[in-house]
């Protein structure tokens, strides 16, 4: 049976909290804790995401997430 080893030290670990959503230019008037206020007086929300790990792990996952985000929104782009 394999034994688990406690590893001390190594690269520092972090938690990144972020959110992404595309809005038409000029329509956002307020952003607060995942809530978005629009110039027309309406409100929307931004889903917050969490990535944990070392800086390198977080950066790799974040770049992958950004690519996937824009792949999903490619159908919204004109032309």
Protein backbone atom coordinates (compact mmCIF):
# COMPACT_ATOMS: atom_id res chain seq x y z
CA UNK A 1 0.00 0.00 0.00
CA UNK A 2 1.36 3.43 -0.98
CA UNK A 3 1.98 5.95 1.76
CA UNK A 4 1.16 9.63 1.41
CA UNK A 5 3.97 12.07 2.11
CA UNK A 6 3.39 15.51 3.55
CA UNK A 7 5.26 17.95 1.34
CA UNK A 8 6.27 21.20 2.96
CA UNK A 9 7.55 24.25 1.18
CA UNK A 10 7.49 24.43 -2.58
CA UNK A 11 5.74 27.11 -4.59
CA UNK A 12 3.25 29.31 -2.74
CA UNK A 13 -0.42 28.48 -3.37
CA UNK A 14 -3.09 31.06 -4.11
CA UNK A 15 -6.81 31.40 -4.78
CA UNK A 16 -7.90 33.48 -7.78
CA UNK A 17 -11.50 34.77 -7.88
CA UNK A 18 -12.59 36.19 -11.23
CA UNK A 19 -15.61 36.75 -13.44
CA UNK A 20 -16.08 37.40 -17.15
CA UNK A 21 -19.09 38.50 -19.17
CA UNK A 22 -19.39 40.53 -22.36
CA UNK A 23 -21.60 43.63 -22.31
CA UNK A 24 -22.25 46.17 -25.07
CA UNK A 25 -19.86 49.13 -24.84
CA UNK A 26 -21.13 52.08 -22.85
CA UNK A 27 -23.92 50.19 -21.08
CA UNK A 28 -22.18 49.32 -17.78
CA UNK A 29 -22.47 52.02 -15.13
CA UNK A 30 -21.70 50.03 -11.94
CA UNK A 31 -19.91 46.83 -10.95
CA UNK A 32 -20.12 45.53 -7.38
CA UNK A 33 -19.64 42.01 -5.95
CA UNK A 34 -20.79 40.19 -9.06
CA UNK A 35 -23.63 42.63 -9.77
CA UNK A 36 -23.66 44.90 -12.78
CA UNK A 37 -25.70 48.07 -13.11
CA UNK A 38 -26.60 49.31 -16.59
CA UNK A 39 -27.03 52.87 -17.79
CA UNK A 40 -30.72 52.05 -18.51
CA UNK A 41 -31.25 51.32 -14.79
CA UNK A 42 -31.42 47.52 -15.09
CA UNK A 43 -29.16 45.06 -13.25
CA UNK A 44 -27.34 41.90 -14.30
CA UNK A 45 -24.98 39.43 -12.67
CA UNK A 46 -21.50 38.12 -13.33
CA UNK A 47 -20.75 34.56 -12.22
CA UNK A 48 -17.57 34.46 -10.15
CA UNK A 49 -15.13 31.59 -10.65
CA UNK A 50 -12.39 30.25 -8.37
CA UNK A 51 -9.07 28.68 -9.33
CA UNK A 52 -6.65 27.43 -6.67
CA UNK A 53 -3.03 26.36 -7.00
CA UNK A 54 0.40 27.74 -7.63
CA UNK A 55 0.80 30.86 -9.74
CA UNK A 56 1.81 28.72 -12.76
CA UNK A 57 -1.17 26.38 -12.32
CA UNK A 58 -3.59 29.30 -11.98
CA UNK A 59 -2.14 31.10 -14.99
CA UNK A 60 -2.41 27.99 -17.18
CA UNK A 61 -6.03 27.32 -16.13
CA UNK A 62 -7.01 30.99 -16.47
CA UNK A 63 -5.62 31.22 -20.02
CA UNK A 64 -7.48 28.02 -20.93
CA UNK A 65 -10.68 29.46 -19.43
CA UNK A 66 -10.28 32.74 -21.33
CA UNK A 67 -9.81 30.87 -24.62
CA UNK A 68 -12.91 28.77 -23.93
CA UNK A 69 -14.91 31.90 -23.00
CA UNK A 70 -14.15 33.54 -26.34
CA UNK A 71 -14.72 30.29 -28.24
CA UNK A 72 -18.23 30.20 -26.75
CA UNK A 73 -18.85 33.81 -27.72
CA UNK A 74 -17.41 33.49 -31.24
CA UNK A 75 -20.91 32.75 -32.53
CA UNK A 76 -22.00 36.19 -31.22
CA UNK A 77 -19.33 38.01 -33.24
CA UNK A 78 -20.44 39.63 -36.49
CA UNK A 79 -19.18 38.27 -39.79
